[in-house]
Amino acid sequence: MTAEPRFEARKQADQTWTIFDRRTGQTAERSGLILAGLNKMAVLGLIHILEQIEDAPKRIH
């Protein structure tokens, strides 16, 4: 069984793309950066990276 991806891309009226976080219902944010106003190629790469981070084992330091 495959879990549903946490992140998805949405095309905006101004032809830019936003990464949407399905879990929070908000525009995704990482390290203080709001992931909006992006081009399509950047969004595809960032979603891939965000999903890898999400799936990575969590360790307590």
PDB file of N, CA and C in Angstrom:
ATOM      1  N   MET A   1       0.844  -1.179   0.000  1.00  0.00           N
ATOM      2  CA  MET A   1       0.000   0.000   0.000  1.00  0.00           C
ATOM      3  C   MET A   1       0.890   1.243   0.000  1.00  0.00           C
ATOM      4  N   THR A   2       0.637   2.158  -0.906  1.00  0.00           N
ATOM      5  CA  THR A   2       1.410   3.388  -1.017  1.00  0.00           C
ATOM      6  C   THR A   2       0.647   4.531  -0.356  1.00  0.00           C
ATOM      7  N   ALA A   3       1.340   5.266   0.482  1.00  0.00           N
ATOM      8  CA  ALA A   3       0.716   6.417   1.134  1.00  0.00           C
ATOM      9  C   ALA A   3       0.537   7.541   0.126  1.00  0.00           C
ATOM     10  N   GLU A   4      -0.493   8.328   0.330  1.00  0.00           N
ATOM     11  CA  GLU A   4      -0.734   9.478  -0.541  1.00  0.00           C
ATOM     12  C   GLU A   4       0.362  10.507  -0.321  1.00  0.00           C
ATOM     13  N   PRO A   5       0.884  11.109  -1.391  1.00  0.00           N
ATOM     14  CA  PRO A   5       1.933  12.128  -1.233  1.00  0.00           C
ATOM     15  C   PRO A   5       1.445  13.292  -0.361  1.00  0.00           C
ATOM     16  N   ARG A   6       2.346  13.831   0.432  1.00  0.00           N
ATOM     17  CA  ARG A   6       1.998  14.955   1.299  1.00  0.00           C
ATOM     18  C   ARG A   6       1.893  16.247   0.510  1.00  0.00           C
ATOM     19  N   PHE A   7       2.704  16.414  -0.545  1.00  0.00           N
ATOM     20  CA  PHE A   7       2.790  17.681  -1.265  1.00  0.00           C
ATOM     21  C   PHE A   7       2.230  17.557  -2.679  1.00  0.00           C
ATOM     22  N   GLU A   8       1.645  18.654  -3.156  1.00  0.00           N
ATOM     23  CA  GLU A   8       1.162  18.710  -4.529  1.00  0.00           C
ATOM     24  C   GLU A   8       1.395  20.102  -5.097  1.00  0.00           C
ATOM     25  N   ALA A   9       1.451  20.184  -6.425  1.00  0.00           N
ATOM     26  CA  ALA A   9       1.668  21.464  -7.109  1.00  0.00           C
ATOM     27  C   ALA A   9       0.332  22.006  -7.599  1.00  0.00           C
ATOM     28  N   ARG A  10       0.191  23.308  -7.507  1.00  0.00           N
ATOM     29  CA  ARG A  10      -1.001  23.977  -8.023  1.00  0.00           C
ATOM     30  C   ARG A  10      -0.577  25.174  -8.863  1.00  0.00           C
ATOM     31  N   LYS A  11      -1.133  25.252 -10.059  1.00  0.00           N
ATOM     32  CA  LYS A  11      -0.844  26.372 -10.953  1.00  0.00           C
ATOM     33  C   LYS A  11      -1.727  27.548 -10.567  1.00  0.00           C
ATOM     34  N   GLN A  12      -1.117  28.706 -10.445  1.00  0.00           N
ATOM     35  CA  GLN A  12      -1.823  29.914 -10.048  1.00  0.00           C
ATOM     36  C   GLN A  12      -2.265  30.716 -11.280  1.00  0.00           C
ATOM     37  N   ALA A  13      -3.138  31.671 -11.067  1.00  0.00           N
ATOM     38  CA  ALA A  13      -3.662  32.503 -12.152  1.00  0.00           C
ATOM     39  C   ALA A  13      -2.558  33.273 -12.879  1.00  0.00           C
ATOM     40  N   ASP A  14      -1.481  33.609 -12.169  1.00  0.00           N
ATOM     41  CA  ASP A  14      -0.385  34.361 -12.790  1.00  0.00           C
ATOM     42  C   ASP A  14       0.621  33.444 -13.505  1.00  0.00           C
ATOM     43  N   GLN A  15       0.248  32.162 -13.668  1.00  0.00           N
ATOM     44  CA  GLN A  15       1.047  31.148 -14.363  1.00  0.00           C
ATOM     45  C   GLN A  15       2.252  30.648 -13.571  1.00  0.00           C
ATOM     46  N   THR A  16       2.377  31.032 -12.298  1.00  0.00           N
ATOM     47  CA  THR A  16       3.414  30.465 -11.440  1.00  0.00           C
ATOM     48  C   THR A  16       2.817  29.260 -10.719  1.00  0.00           C
ATOM     49  N   TRP A  17       3.659  28.548 -10.004  1.00  0.00           N
ATOM     50  CA  TRP A  17       3.234  27.341  -9.301  1.00  0.00           C
ATOM     51  C   TRP A  17       3.483  27.477  -7.808  1.00  0.00           C
ATOM     52  N   THR A  18       2.628  26.833  -7.020  1.00  0.00           N
ATOM     53  CA  THR A  18       2.736  26.815  -5.568  1.00  0.00           C
ATOM     54  C   THR A  18       2.742  25.370  -5.110  1.00  0.00           C
ATOM     55  N   ILE A  19       3.573  25.070  -4.112  1.00  0.00           N
ATOM     56  CA  ILE A  19       3.568  23.746  -3.502  1.00  0.00           C
ATOM     57  C   ILE A  19       2.619  23.798  -2.310  1.00  0.00           C
ATOM     58  N   PHE A  20       1.664  22.905  -2.319  1.00  0.00           N
ATOM     59  CA  PHE A  20       0.614  22.849  -1.308  1.00  0.00           C
ATOM     60  C   PHE A  20       0.855  21.647  -0.404  1.00  0.00           C
ATOM     61  N   ASP A  21       0.751  21.857   0.902  1.00  0.00           N
ATOM     62  CA  ASP A  21       0.918  20.791   1.890  1.00  0.00           C
ATOM     63  C   ASP A  21      -0.465  20.236   2.223  1.00  0.00           C
ATOM     64  N   ARG A  22      -0.730  19.030   1.813  1.00  0.00           N
ATOM     65  CA  ARG A  22      -2.052  18.427   2.035  1.00  0.00           C
ATOM     66  C   ARG A  22      -2.347  18.215   3.514  1.00  0.00           C
ATOM     67  N   ARG A  23      -1.317  17.996   4.312  1.00  0.00           N
ATOM     68  CA  ARG A  23      -1.526  17.737   5.738  1.00  0.00           C
ATOM     69  C   ARG A  23      -2.006  18.977   6.481  1.00  0.00           C
ATOM     70  N   THR A  24      -1.428  20.139   6.154  1.00  0.00           N
ATOM     71  CA  THR A  24      -1.796  21.366   6.869  1.00  0.00           C
ATOM     72  C   THR A  24      -2.891  22.151   6.155  1.00  0.00           C
ATOM     73  N   GLY A  25      -3.072  21.883   4.859  1.00  0.00           N
ATOM     74  CA  GLY A  25      -4.050  22.641   4.090  1.00  0.00           C
ATOM     75  C   GLY A  25      -3.543  24.016   3.682  1.00  0.00           C
ATOM     76  N   GLN A  26      -2.236  24.234   3.800  1.00  0.00           N
ATOM     77  CA  GLN A  26      -1.638  25.538   3.520  1.00  0.00           C
ATOM     78  C   GLN A  26      -0.553  25.419   2.451  1.00  0.00           C
ATOM     79  N   THR A  27      -0.101  26.579   1.972  1.00  0.00           N
ATOM     80  CA  THR A  27       1.069  26.614   1.107  1.00  0.00           C
ATOM     81  C   THR A  27       2.250  26.073   1.908  1.00  0.00           C
ATOM     82  N   ALA A  28       3.034  25.204   1.289  1.00  0.00           N
ATOM     83  CA  ALA A  28       4.166  24.597   1.983  1.00  0.00           C
ATOM     84  C   ALA A  28       5.221  25.647   2.314  1.00  0.00           C
ATOM     85  N   GLU A  29       5.897  25.416   3.424  1.00  0.00           N
ATOM     86  CA  GLU A  29       6.981  26.296   3.874  1.00  0.00           C
ATOM     87  C   GLU A  29       8.104  25.415   4.381  1.00  0.00           C
ATOM     88  N   ARG A  30       9.334  25.762   4.035  1.00  0.00           N
ATOM     89  CA  ARG A  30      10.485  24.999   4.514  1.00  0.00           C
ATOM     90  C   ARG A  30      11.614  25.971   4.817  1.00  0.00           C
ATOM     91  N   SER A  31      12.150  25.885   6.016  1.00  0.00           N
ATOM     92  CA  SER A  31      13.252  26.744   6.457  1.00  0.00           C
ATOM     93  C   SER A  31      12.921  28.226   6.291  1.00  0.00           C
ATOM     94  N   GLY A  32      11.671  28.582   6.548  1.00  0.00           N
ATOM     95  CA  GLY A  32      11.252  29.976   6.466  1.00  0.00           C
ATOM     96  C   GLY A  32      10.904  30.459   5.078  1.00  0.00           C
ATOM     97  N   LEU A  33      11.031  29.598   4.069  1.00  0.00           N
ATOM     98  CA  LEU A  33      10.702  29.981   2.697  1.00  0.00           C
ATOM     99  C   LEU A  33       9.311  29.480   2.335  1.00  0.00           C
ATOM    100  N   ILE A  34       8.472  30.384   1.859  1.00  0.00           N
ATOM    101  CA  ILE A  34       7.148  30.012   1.387  1.00  0.00           C
ATOM    102  C   ILE A  34       7.301  29.545  -0.058  1.00  0.00           C
ATOM    103  N   LEU A  35       6.855  28.339  -0.327  1.00  0.00           N
ATOM    104  CA  LEU A  35       7.092  27.716  -1.624  1.00  0.00           C
ATOM    105  C   LEU A  35       5.983  28.075  -2.613  1.00  0.00           C
ATOM    106  N   ALA A  36       6.021  29.331  -3.051  1.00  0.00           N
ATOM    107  CA  ALA A  36       5.034  29.867  -3.991  1.00  0.00           C
ATOM    108  C   ALA A  36       5.748  30.746  -5.004  1.00  0.00           C
ATOM    109  N   GLY A  37       5.075  31.009  -6.137  1.00  0.00           N
ATOM    110  CA  GLY A  37       5.652  31.863  -7.170  1.00  0.00           C
ATOM    111  C   GLY A  37       6.787  31.193  -7.916  1.00  0.00           C
ATOM    112  N   LEU A  38       6.732  29.882  -8.049  1.00  0.00           N
ATOM    113  CA  LEU A  38       7.820  29.102  -8.632  1.00  0.00           C
ATOM    114  C   LEU A  38       7.506  28.702 -10.066  1.00  0.00           C
ATOM    115  N   ASN A  39       8.555  28.305 -10.817  1.00  0.00           N
ATOM    116  CA  ASN A  39       8.307  27.772 -12.153  1.00  0.00           C
ATOM    117  C   ASN A  39       8.083  26.264 -12.049  1.00  0.00           C
ATOM    118  N   LYS A  40       7.521  25.684 -13.094  1.00  0.00           N
ATOM    119  CA  LYS A  40       7.110  24.281 -13.064  1.00  0.00           C
ATOM    120  C   LYS A  40       8.271  23.332 -12.781  1.00  0.00           C
ATOM    121  N   MET A  41       9.413  23.558 -13.403  1.00  0.00           N
ATOM    122  CA  MET A  41      10.547  22.657 -13.196  1.00  0.00           C
ATOM    123  C   MET A  41      11.051  22.701 -11.749  1.00  0.00           C
ATOM    124  N   ALA A  42      11.087  23.881 -11.160  1.00  0.00           N
ATOM    125  CA  ALA A  42      11.514  24.000  -9.763  1.00  0.00           C
ATOM    126  C   ALA A  42      10.546  23.256  -8.847  1.00  0.00           C
ATOM    127  N   VAL A  43       9.256  23.392  -9.111  1.00  0.00           N
ATOM    128  CA  VAL A  43       8.241  22.745  -8.284  1.00  0.00           C
ATOM    129  C   VAL A  43       8.381  21.223  -8.331  1.00  0.00           C
ATOM    130  N   LEU A  44       8.581  20.671  -9.521  1.00  0.00           N
ATOM    131  CA  LEU A  44       8.701  19.222  -9.636  1.00  0.00           C
ATOM    132  C   LEU A  44       9.895  18.704  -8.842  1.00  0.00           C
ATOM    133  N   GLY A  45      11.012  19.388  -8.927  1.00  0.00           N
ATOM    134  CA  GLY A  45      12.195  18.983  -8.172  1.00  0.00           C
ATOM    135  C   GLY A  45      12.007  19.142  -6.674  1.00  0.00           C
ATOM    136  N   LEU A  46      11.415  20.241  -6.264  1.00  0.00           N
ATOM    137  CA  LEU A  46      11.213  20.493  -4.838  1.00  0.00           C
ATOM    138  C   LEU A  46      10.237  19.500  -4.217  1.00  0.00           C
ATOM    139  N   ILE A  47       9.184  19.159  -4.930  1.00  0.00           N
ATOM    140  CA  ILE A  47       8.241  18.174  -4.394  1.00  0.00           C
ATOM    141  C   ILE A  47       8.954  16.841  -4.184  1.00  0.00           C
ATOM    142  N   HIS A  48       9.770  16.456  -5.122  1.00  0.00           N
ATOM    143  CA  HIS A  48      10.529  15.205  -4.996  1.00  0.00           C
ATOM    144  C   HIS A  48      11.412  15.238  -3.741  1.00  0.00           C
ATOM    145  N   ILE A  49      12.115  16.334  -3.541  1.00  0.00           N
ATOM    146  CA  ILE A  49      12.986  16.489  -2.367  1.00  0.00           C
ATOM    147  C   ILE A  49      12.170  16.497  -1.077  1.00  0.00           C
ATOM    148  N   LEU A  50      11.073  17.237  -1.062  1.00  0.00           N
ATOM    149  CA  LEU A  50      10.230  17.312   0.138  1.00  0.00           C
ATOM    150  C   LEU A  50       9.673  15.943   0.514  1.00  0.00           C
ATOM    151  N   GLU A  51       9.261  15.167  -0.470  1.00  0.00           N
ATOM    152  CA  GLU A  51       8.745  13.822  -0.189  1.00  0.00           C
ATOM    153  C   GLU A  51       9.852  12.917   0.351  1.00  0.00           C
ATOM    154  N   GLN A  52      11.080  13.060  -0.167  1.00  0.00           N
ATOM    155  CA  GLN A  52      12.196  12.267   0.351  1.00  0.00           C
ATOM    156  C   GLN A  52      12.480  12.630   1.814  1.00  0.00           C
ATOM    157  N   ILE A  53      12.449  13.916   2.124  1.00  0.00           N
ATOM    158  CA  ILE A  53      12.661  14.359   3.508  1.00  0.00           C
ATOM    159  C   ILE A  53      11.569  13.794   4.403  1.00  0.00           C
ATOM    160  N   GLU A  54      10.347  13.854   3.930  1.00  0.00           N
ATOM    161  CA  GLU A  54       9.200  13.366   4.705  1.00  0.00           C
ATOM    162  C   GLU A  54       9.318  11.861   4.990  1.00  0.00           C
ATOM    163  N   ASP A  55       9.829  11.107   4.017  1.00  0.00           N
ATOM    164  CA  ASP A  55       9.936   9.656   4.150  1.00  0.00           C
ATOM    165  C   ASP A  55      11.196   9.205   4.878  1.00  0.00           C
ATOM    166  N   ALA A  56      12.138  10.101   5.091  1.00  0.00           N
ATOM    167  CA  ALA A  56      13.398   9.732   5.737  1.00  0.00           C
ATOM    168  C   ALA A  56      13.162   9.328   7.187  1.00  0.00           C
ATOM    169  N   PRO A  57      13.938   8.366   7.669  1.00  0.00           N
ATOM    170  CA  PRO A  57      13.817   7.968   9.077  1.00  0.00           C
ATOM    171  C   PRO A  57      14.122   9.161   9.980  1.00  0.00           C
ATOM    172  N   LYS A  58      13.378   9.280  11.033  1.00  0.00           N
ATOM    173  CA  LYS A  58      13.572  10.376  11.988  1.00  0.00           C
ATOM    174  C   LYS A  58      14.458   9.882  13.131  1.00  0.00           C
ATOM    175  N   ARG A  59      15.446  10.706  13.503  1.00  0.00           N
ATOM    176  CA  ARG A  59      16.340  10.358  14.597  1.00  0.00           C
ATOM    177  C   ARG A  59      16.292  11.454  15.641  1.00  0.00           C
ATOM    178  N   ILE A  60      16.412  11.060  16.885  1.00  0.00           N
ATOM    179  CA  ILE A  60      16.498  12.010  17.995  1.00  0.00           C
ATOM    180  C   ILE A  60      17.977  12.194  18.308  1.00  0.00           C
ATOM    181  N   HIS A  61      18.423  13.423  18.363  1.00  0.00           N
ATOM    182  CA  HIS A  61      19.845  13.719  18.614  1.00  0.00           C
ATOM    183  C   HIS A  61      20.056  14.033  20.067  1.00  0.00           C
TER     184      HIS A  61
END
